[in-house]
């Protein structure tokens, strides 16, 4: 009798993972090479675990206030003319 493992790993190709993340394969390879996203080599094939890609998505979520440096408040006009 063969038991079916409900925890069986879902493997993604690099193309599938890049598509799931909405990025280019080149960007995916950079994330892998920098250690930000785990990947596995089986011979000449690279595969990623779907749940680890999903975890990466969750870790990449922008928290409120993290982007304030991208839109600094404009200087008020006339503040230098007080004198």
PDB file of N, CA and C in Angstrom:
ATOM      1  N   UNK A   1       0.849  -1.179   0.000  1.00  0.00           N
ATOM      2  CA  UNK A   1       0.000   0.000   0.000  1.00  0.00           C
ATOM      3  C   UNK A   1       0.891   1.237   0.000  1.00  0.00           C
ATOM      4  N   UNK A   2       0.563   2.196  -0.843  1.00  0.00           N
ATOM      5  CA  UNK A   2       1.361   3.415  -0.985  1.00  0.00           C
ATOM      6  C   UNK A   2       0.583   4.590  -0.407  1.00  0.00           C
ATOM      7  N   UNK A   3       1.160   5.223   0.592  1.00  0.00           N
ATOM      8  CA  UNK A   3       0.502   6.374   1.218  1.00  0.00           C
ATOM      9  C   UNK A   3       0.823   7.631   0.425  1.00  0.00           C
ATOM     10  N   UNK A   4      -0.169   8.457   0.220  1.00  0.00           N
ATOM     11  CA  UNK A   4       0.030   9.725  -0.474  1.00  0.00           C
ATOM     12  C   UNK A   4       0.376  10.782   0.566  1.00  0.00           C
ATOM     13  N   UNK A   5       1.477  11.449   0.360  1.00  0.00           N
ATOM     14  CA  UNK A   5       1.936  12.474   1.296  1.00  0.00           C
ATOM     15  C   UNK A   5       1.299  13.803   0.922  1.00  0.00           C
ATOM     16  N   UNK A   6       0.451  14.339   1.780  1.00  0.00           N
ATOM     17  CA  UNK A   6      -0.214  15.610   1.496  1.00  0.00           C
ATOM     18  C   UNK A   6       0.754  16.786   1.601  1.00  0.00           C
ATOM     19  N   UNK A   7       1.941  16.549   2.182  1.00  0.00           N
ATOM     20  CA  UNK A   7       2.944  17.603   2.316  1.00  0.00           C
ATOM     21  C   UNK A   7       3.943  17.572   1.162  1.00  0.00           C
ATOM     22  N   UNK A   8       3.603  16.918   0.072  1.00  0.00           N
ATOM     23  CA  UNK A   8       4.506  16.799  -1.058  1.00  0.00           C
ATOM     24  C   UNK A   8       4.896  18.187  -1.566  1.00  0.00           C
ATOM     25  N   UNK A   9       6.160  18.361  -1.840  1.00  0.00           N
ATOM     26  CA  UNK A   9       6.685  19.648  -2.275  1.00  0.00           C
ATOM     27  C   UNK A   9       6.242  19.967  -3.693  1.00  0.00           C
ATOM     28  N   UNK A  10       5.778  21.186  -3.887  1.00  0.00           N
ATOM     29  CA  UNK A  10       5.467  21.673  -5.239  1.00  0.00           C
ATOM     30  C   UNK A  10       6.699  22.408  -5.745  1.00  0.00           C
ATOM     31  N   UNK A  11       7.301  21.890  -6.808  1.00  0.00           N
ATOM     32  CA  UNK A  11       8.502  22.489  -7.380  1.00  0.00           C
ATOM     33  C   UNK A  11       8.128  23.412  -8.532  1.00  0.00           C
ATOM     34  N   UNK A  12       8.838  24.534  -8.632  1.00  0.00           N
ATOM     35  CA  UNK A  12       8.639  25.486  -9.728  1.00  0.00           C
ATOM     36  C   UNK A  12       9.917  25.583 -10.545  1.00  0.00           C
ATOM     37  N   UNK A  13       9.771  25.703 -11.846  1.00  0.00           N
ATOM     38  CA  UNK A  13      10.924  26.022 -12.684  1.00  0.00           C
ATOM     39  C   UNK A  13      11.273  27.488 -12.476  1.00  0.00           C
ATOM     40  N   UNK A  14      12.416  27.904 -12.952  1.00  0.00           N
ATOM     41  CA  UNK A  14      12.787  29.316 -12.817  1.00  0.00           C
ATOM     42  C   UNK A  14      11.808  30.201 -13.586  1.00  0.00           C
ATOM     43  N   UNK A  15      11.336  29.723 -14.735  1.00  0.00           N
ATOM     44  CA  UNK A  15      10.353  30.502 -15.503  1.00  0.00           C
ATOM     45  C   UNK A  15       9.050  30.648 -14.718  1.00  0.00           C
ATOM     46  N   UNK A  16       8.598  29.563 -14.112  1.00  0.00           N
ATOM     47  CA  UNK A  16       7.356  29.607 -13.323  1.00  0.00           C
ATOM     48  C   UNK A  16       7.512  30.507 -12.101  1.00  0.00           C
ATOM     49  N   UNK A  17       8.653  30.411 -11.435  1.00  0.00           N
ATOM     50  CA  UNK A  17       8.885  31.239 -10.244  1.00  0.00           C
ATOM     51  C   UNK A  17       8.954  32.714 -10.624  1.00  0.00           C
ATOM     52  N   UNK A  18       9.659  33.026 -11.702  1.00  0.00           N
ATOM     53  CA  UNK A  18       9.757  34.415 -12.150  1.00  0.00           C
ATOM     54  C   UNK A  18       8.376  34.956 -12.505  1.00  0.00           C
ATOM     55  N   UNK A  19       7.583  34.158 -13.191  1.00  0.00           N
ATOM     56  CA  UNK A  19       6.229  34.574 -13.555  1.00  0.00           C
ATOM     57  C   UNK A  19       5.377  34.784 -12.303  1.00  0.00           C
ATOM     58  N   UNK A  20       5.515  33.893 -11.316  1.00  0.00           N
ATOM     59  CA  UNK A  20       4.746  34.012 -10.064  1.00  0.00           C
ATOM     60  C   UNK A  20       5.101  35.287  -9.323  1.00  0.00           C
ATOM     61  N   UNK A  21       6.382  35.682  -9.394  1.00  0.00           N
ATOM     62  CA  UNK A  21       6.850  36.894  -8.719  1.00  0.00           C
ATOM     63  C   UNK A  21       6.651  38.147  -9.568  1.00  0.00           C
ATOM     64  N   UNK A  22       6.379  37.984 -10.846  1.00  0.00           N
ATOM     65  CA  UNK A  22       6.211  39.138 -11.732  1.00  0.00           C
ATOM     66  C   UNK A  22       7.530  39.824 -12.035  1.00  0.00           C
ATOM     67  N   UNK A  23       8.612  39.040 -12.119  1.00  0.00           N
ATOM     68  CA  UNK A  23       9.942  39.580 -12.386  1.00  0.00           C
ATOM     69  C   UNK A  23      10.575  38.834 -13.555  1.00  0.00           C
ATOM     70  N   UNK A  24      11.698  39.319 -14.031  1.00  0.00           N
ATOM     71  CA  UNK A  24      12.415  38.635 -15.108  1.00  0.00           C
ATOM     72  C   UNK A  24      13.242  37.492 -14.523  1.00  0.00           C
ATOM     73  N   UNK A  25      13.556  36.490 -15.337  1.00  0.00           N
ATOM     74  CA  UNK A  25      14.444  35.429 -14.850  1.00  0.00           C
ATOM     75  C   UNK A  25      15.793  35.972 -14.370  1.00  0.00           C
ATOM     76  N   UNK A  26      16.294  37.003 -14.993  1.00  0.00           N
ATOM     77  CA  UNK A  26      17.567  37.596 -14.573  1.00  0.00           C
ATOM     78  C   UNK A  26      17.480  38.115 -13.131  1.00  0.00           C
ATOM     79  N   UNK A  27      16.389  38.795 -12.806  1.00  0.00           N
ATOM     80  CA  UNK A  27      16.191  39.282 -11.438  1.00  0.00           C
ATOM     81  C   UNK A  27      16.051  38.110 -10.475  1.00  0.00           C
ATOM     82  N   UNK A  28      15.344  37.061 -10.886  1.00  0.00           N
ATOM     83  CA  UNK A  28      15.209  35.864 -10.062  1.00  0.00           C
ATOM     84  C   UNK A  28      16.582  35.271  -9.751  1.00  0.00           C
ATOM     85  N   UNK A  29      17.433  35.133 -10.769  1.00  0.00           N
ATOM     86  CA  UNK A  29      18.777  34.582 -10.552  1.00  0.00           C
ATOM     87  C   UNK A  29      19.582  35.459  -9.592  1.00  0.00           C
ATOM     88  N   UNK A  30      19.392  36.772  -9.644  1.00  0.00           N
ATOM     89  CA  UNK A  30      20.095  37.666  -8.721  1.00  0.00           C
ATOM     90  C   UNK A  30      19.635  37.425  -7.282  1.00  0.00           C
ATOM     91  N   UNK A  31      18.320  37.291  -7.078  1.00  0.00           N
ATOM     92  CA  UNK A  31      17.805  36.981  -5.737  1.00  0.00           C
ATOM     93  C   UNK A  31      18.385  35.662  -5.226  1.00  0.00           C
ATOM     94  N   UNK A  32      18.456  34.667  -6.106  1.00  0.00           N
ATOM     95  CA  UNK A  32      19.006  33.366  -5.727  1.00  0.00           C
ATOM     96  C   UNK A  32      20.488  33.505  -5.384  1.00  0.00           C
ATOM     97  N   UNK A  33      21.238  34.178  -6.241  1.00  0.00           N
ATOM     98  CA  UNK A  33      22.683  34.315  -6.058  1.00  0.00           C
ATOM     99  C   UNK A  33      23.032  35.113  -4.810  1.00  0.00           C
ATOM    100  N   UNK A  34      22.189  36.068  -4.435  1.00  0.00           N
ATOM    101  CA  UNK A  34      22.419  36.880  -3.234  1.00  0.00           C
ATOM    102  C   UNK A  34      21.904  36.201  -1.965  1.00  0.00           C
ATOM    103  N   UNK A  35      21.334  35.014  -2.106  1.00  0.00           N
ATOM    104  CA  UNK A  35      20.864  34.270  -0.943  1.00  0.00           C
ATOM    105  C   UNK A  35      19.517  34.725  -0.414  1.00  0.00           C
ATOM    106  N   UNK A  36      18.805  35.540  -1.173  1.00  0.00           N
ATOM    107  CA  UNK A  36      17.504  36.037  -0.727  1.00  0.00           C
ATOM    108  C   UNK A  36      16.384  35.028  -0.978  1.00  0.00           C
ATOM    109  N   UNK A  37      16.601  34.133  -1.926  1.00  0.00           N
ATOM    110  CA  UNK A  37      15.587  33.159  -2.316  1.00  0.00           C
ATOM    111  C   UNK A  37      16.264  31.812  -2.510  1.00  0.00           C
ATOM    112  N   UNK A  38      15.890  30.789  -1.725  1.00  0.00           N
ATOM    113  CA  UNK A  38      16.541  29.489  -1.869  1.00  0.00           C
ATOM    114  C   UNK A  38      16.151  28.805  -3.167  1.00  0.00           C
ATOM    115  N   UNK A  39      17.110  28.123  -3.767  1.00  0.00           N
ATOM    116  CA  UNK A  39      16.874  27.354  -4.988  1.00  0.00           C
ATOM    117  C   UNK A  39      17.715  26.091  -4.913  1.00  0.00           C
ATOM    118  N   UNK A  40      17.385  25.130  -5.743  1.00  0.00           N
ATOM    119  CA  UNK A  40      18.008  23.814  -5.702  1.00  0.00           C
ATOM    120  C   UNK A  40      18.409  23.396  -7.113  1.00  0.00           C
ATOM    121  N   UNK A  41      19.616  22.857  -7.228  1.00  0.00           N
ATOM    122  CA  UNK A  41      20.094  22.390  -8.533  1.00  0.00           C
ATOM    123  C   UNK A  41      20.022  20.868  -8.558  1.00  0.00           C
ATOM    124  N   UNK A  42      19.342  20.359  -9.556  1.00  0.00           N
ATOM    125  CA  UNK A  42      19.254  18.924  -9.795  1.00  0.00           C
ATOM    126  C   UNK A  42      19.878  18.677 -11.160  1.00  0.00           C
ATOM    127  N   UNK A  43      21.167  18.336 -11.151  1.00  0.00           N
ATOM    128  CA  UNK A  43      21.878  18.217 -12.419  1.00  0.00           C
ATOM    129  C   UNK A  43      22.020  19.600 -13.032  1.00  0.00           C
ATOM    130  N   UNK A  44      21.466  19.777 -14.216  1.00  0.00           N
ATOM    131  CA  UNK A  44      21.547  21.074 -14.905  1.00  0.00           C
ATOM    132  C   UNK A  44      20.284  21.912 -14.709  1.00  0.00           C
ATOM    133  N   UNK A  45      19.356  21.416 -13.909  1.00  0.00           N
ATOM    134  CA  UNK A  45      18.056  22.068 -13.733  1.00  0.00           C
ATOM    135  C   UNK A  45      18.007  22.760 -12.379  1.00  0.00           C
ATOM    136  N   UNK A  46      17.484  23.975 -12.346  1.00  0.00           N
ATOM    137  CA  UNK A  46      17.285  24.715 -11.107  1.00  0.00           C
ATOM    138  C   UNK A  46      15.793  24.736 -10.813  1.00  0.00           C
ATOM    139  N   UNK A  47      15.452  24.406  -9.566  1.00  0.00           N
ATOM    140  CA  UNK A  47      14.054  24.401  -9.143  1.00  0.00           C
ATOM    141  C   UNK A  47      13.909  25.160  -7.836  1.00  0.00           C
ATOM    142  N   UNK A  48      12.724  25.689  -7.616  1.00  0.00           N
ATOM    143  CA  UNK A  48      12.407  26.411  -6.386  1.00  0.00           C
ATOM    144  C   UNK A  48      11.158  25.799  -5.785  1.00  0.00           C
ATOM    145  N   UNK A  49      11.102  25.781  -4.458  1.00  0.00           N
ATOM    146  CA  UNK A  49       9.908  25.289  -3.773  1.00  0.00           C
ATOM    147  C   UNK A  49       8.859  26.397  -3.763  1.00  0.00           C
ATOM    148  N   UNK A  50       7.641  26.048  -4.127  1.00  0.00           N
ATOM    149  CA  UNK A  50       6.567  27.030  -4.220  1.00  0.00           C
ATOM    150  C   UNK A  50       6.349  27.733  -2.882  1.00  0.00           C
ATOM    151  N   UNK A  51       6.391  26.982  -1.780  1.00  0.00           N
ATOM    152  CA  UNK A  51       6.135  27.608  -0.475  1.00  0.00           C
ATOM    153  C   UNK A  51       7.267  28.562  -0.099  1.00  0.00           C
ATOM    154  N   UNK A  52       8.489  28.329  -0.562  1.00  0.00           N
ATOM    155  CA  UNK A  52       9.583  29.261  -0.274  1.00  0.00           C
ATOM    156  C   UNK A  52       9.463  30.526  -1.122  1.00  0.00           C
ATOM    157  N   UNK A  53       8.944  30.387  -2.331  1.00  0.00           N
ATOM    158  CA  UNK A  53       8.667  31.572  -3.155  1.00  0.00           C
ATOM    159  C   UNK A  53       7.568  32.399  -2.483  1.00  0.00           C
ATOM    160  N   UNK A  54       6.541  31.737  -1.979  1.00  0.00           N
ATOM    161  CA  UNK A  54       5.463  32.443  -1.278  1.00  0.00           C
ATOM    162  C   UNK A  54       5.977  33.119  -0.007  1.00  0.00           C
ATOM    163  N   UNK A  55       6.882  32.445   0.717  1.00  0.00           N
ATOM    164  CA  UNK A  55       7.492  33.055   1.907  1.00  0.00           C
ATOM    165  C   UNK A  55       8.287  34.305   1.533  1.00  0.00           C
ATOM    166  N   UNK A  56       9.011  34.229   0.417  1.00  0.00           N
ATOM    167  CA  UNK A  56       9.780  35.369  -0.073  1.00  0.00           C
ATOM    168  C   UNK A  56       8.852  36.548  -0.376  1.00  0.00           C
ATOM    169  N   UNK A  57       7.725  36.249  -0.971  1.00  0.00           N
ATOM    170  CA  UNK A  57       6.737  37.299  -1.256  1.00  0.00           C
ATOM    171  C   UNK A  57       6.292  37.957   0.047  1.00  0.00           C
ATOM    172  N   UNK A  58       5.996  37.152   1.056  1.00  0.00           N
ATOM    173  CA  UNK A  58       5.573  37.696   2.346  1.00  0.00           C
ATOM    174  C   UNK A  58       6.641  38.544   3.010  1.00  0.00           C
ATOM    175  N   UNK A  59       7.905  38.103   2.917  1.00  0.00           N
ATOM    176  CA  UNK A  59       9.008  38.874   3.520  1.00  0.00           C
ATOM    177  C   UNK A  59       9.270  40.173   2.774  1.00  0.00           C
ATOM    178  N   UNK A  60       8.842  40.241   1.532  1.00  0.00           N
ATOM    179  CA  UNK A  60       9.107  41.422   0.706  1.00  0.00           C
ATOM    180  C   UNK A  60       8.039  42.502   0.861  1.00  0.00           C
ATOM    181  N   UNK A  61       7.041  42.234   1.663  1.00  0.00           N
ATOM    182  CA  UNK A  61       5.960  43.203   1.842  1.00  0.00           C
ATOM    183  C   UNK A  61       6.504  44.496   2.439  1.00  0.00           C
ATOM    184  N   UNK A  62       6.085  45.598   1.881  1.00  0.00           N
ATOM    185  CA  UNK A  62       6.503  46.916   2.346  1.00  0.00           C
ATOM    186  C   UNK A  62       5.629  47.302   3.532  1.00  0.00           C
ATOM    187  N   UNK A  63       6.267  47.681   4.608  1.00  0.00           N
ATOM    188  CA  UNK A  63       5.558  48.102   5.803  1.00  0.00           C
ATOM    189  C   UNK A  63       5.281  49.611   5.725  1.00  0.00           C
ATOM    190  N   UNK A  64       4.205  50.075   6.338  1.00  0.00           N
ATOM    191  CA  UNK A  64       3.906  51.504   6.329  1.00  0.00           C
ATOM    192  C   UNK A  64       5.098  52.315   6.864  1.00  0.00           C
ATOM    193  N   UNK A  65       5.421  53.373   6.173  1.00  0.00           N
ATOM    194  CA  UNK A  65       6.500  54.262   6.588  1.00  0.00           C
ATOM    195  C   UNK A  65       7.857  53.932   5.994  1.00  0.00           C
ATOM    196  N   UNK A  66       7.997  52.783   5.327  1.00  0.00           N
ATOM    197  CA  UNK A  66       9.298  52.394   4.778  1.00  0.00           C
ATOM    198  C   UNK A  66       9.693  53.185   3.536  1.00  0.00           C
ATOM    199  N   UNK A  67       8.754  53.827   2.899  1.00  0.00           N
ATOM    200  CA  UNK A  67       9.053  54.522   1.652  1.00  0.00           C
ATOM    201  C   UNK A  67       9.091  56.038   1.783  1.00  0.00           C
ATOM    202  N   UNK A  68       9.042  56.543   3.018  1.00  0.00           N
ATOM    203  CA  UNK A  68       9.003  57.996   3.209  1.00  0.00           C
ATOM    204  C   UNK A  68      10.190  58.699   2.558  1.00  0.00           C
ATOM    205  N   UNK A  69      11.333  58.030   2.506  1.00  0.00           N
ATOM    206  CA  UNK A  69      12.528  58.646   1.912  1.00  0.00           C
ATOM    207  C   UNK A  69      12.364  58.866   0.411  1.00  0.00           C
ATOM    208  N   UNK A  70      11.370  58.243  -0.210  1.00  0.00           N
ATOM    209  CA  UNK A  70      11.167  58.388  -1.652  1.00  0.00           C
ATOM    210  C   UNK A  70      10.316  59.603  -2.014  1.00  0.00           C
ATOM    211  N   UNK A  71       9.638  60.180  -1.029  1.00  0.00           N
ATOM    212  CA  UNK A  71       8.814  61.358  -1.307  1.00  0.00           C
ATOM    213  C   UNK A  71       8.989  62.375  -0.175  1.00  0.00           C
ATOM    214  N   UNK A  72      10.169  62.974  -0.099  1.00  0.00           N
ATOM    215  CA  UNK A  72      10.406  63.950   0.982  1.00  0.00           C
ATOM    216  C   UNK A  72       9.439  65.121   0.866  1.00  0.00           C
ATOM    217  N   UNK A  73       9.099  65.664   2.018  1.00  0.00           N
ATOM    218  CA  UNK A  73       8.215  66.826   2.042  1.00  0.00           C
ATOM    219  C   UNK A  73       8.908  67.989   1.351  1.00  0.00           C
ATOM    220  N   UNK A  74       8.210  68.681   0.462  1.00  0.00           N
ATOM    221  CA  UNK A  74       8.830  69.827  -0.203  1.00  0.00           C
ATOM    222  C   UNK A  74       9.082  70.961   0.792  1.00  0.00           C
ATOM    223  N   UNK A  75      10.158  71.681   0.564  1.00  0.00           N
ATOM    224  CA  UNK A  75      10.462  72.842   1.416  1.00  0.00           C
ATOM    225  C   UNK A  75       9.375  73.878   1.217  1.00  0.00           C
ATOM    226  N   UNK A  76       8.938  74.491   2.305  1.00  0.00           N
ATOM    227  CA  UNK A  76       7.911  75.507   2.194  1.00  0.00           C
ATOM    228  C   UNK A  76       8.498  76.776   1.606  1.00  0.00           C
ATOM    229  N   UNK A  77       7.778  77.377   0.700  1.00  0.00           N
ATOM    230  CA  UNK A  77       8.274  78.609   0.063  1.00  0.00           C
ATOM    231  C   UNK A  77       8.196  79.760   1.047  1.00  0.00           C
ATOM    232  N   UNK A  78       9.180  80.596   0.982  1.00  0.00           N
ATOM    233  CA  UNK A  78       9.182  81.795   1.806  1.00  0.00           C
ATOM    234  C   UNK A  78       9.819  81.594   3.163  1.00  0.00           C
ATOM    235  N   UNK A  79      10.207  80.379   3.511  1.00  0.00           N
ATOM    236  CA  UNK A  79      10.764  80.147   4.843  1.00  0.00           C
ATOM    237  C   UNK A  79      12.145  80.799   4.971  1.00  0.00           C
ATOM    238  N   UNK A  80      12.831  81.022   3.854  1.00  0.00           N
ATOM    239  CA  UNK A  80      14.147  81.654   3.900  1.00  0.00           C
ATOM    240  C   UNK A  80      14.044  83.170   3.808  1.00  0.00           C
ATOM    241  N   UNK A  81      12.854  83.697   3.618  1.00  0.00           N
ATOM    242  CA  UNK A  81      12.652  85.140   3.412  1.00  0.00           C
ATOM    243  C   UNK A  81      12.248  85.845   4.687  1.00  0.00           C
ATOM    244  N   UNK A  82      12.451  85.240   5.848  1.00  0.00           N
ATOM    245  CA  UNK A  82      11.990  85.844   7.091  1.00  0.00           C
ATOM    246  C   UNK A  82      12.877  86.996   7.553  1.00  0.00           C
ATOM    247  N   UNK A  83      14.006  87.125   6.975  1.00  0.00           N
ATOM    248  CA  UNK A  83      14.932  87.936   7.557  1.00  0.00           C
ATOM    249  C   UNK A  83      15.261  89.268   7.299  1.00  0.00           C
TER     250      UNK A  83
END
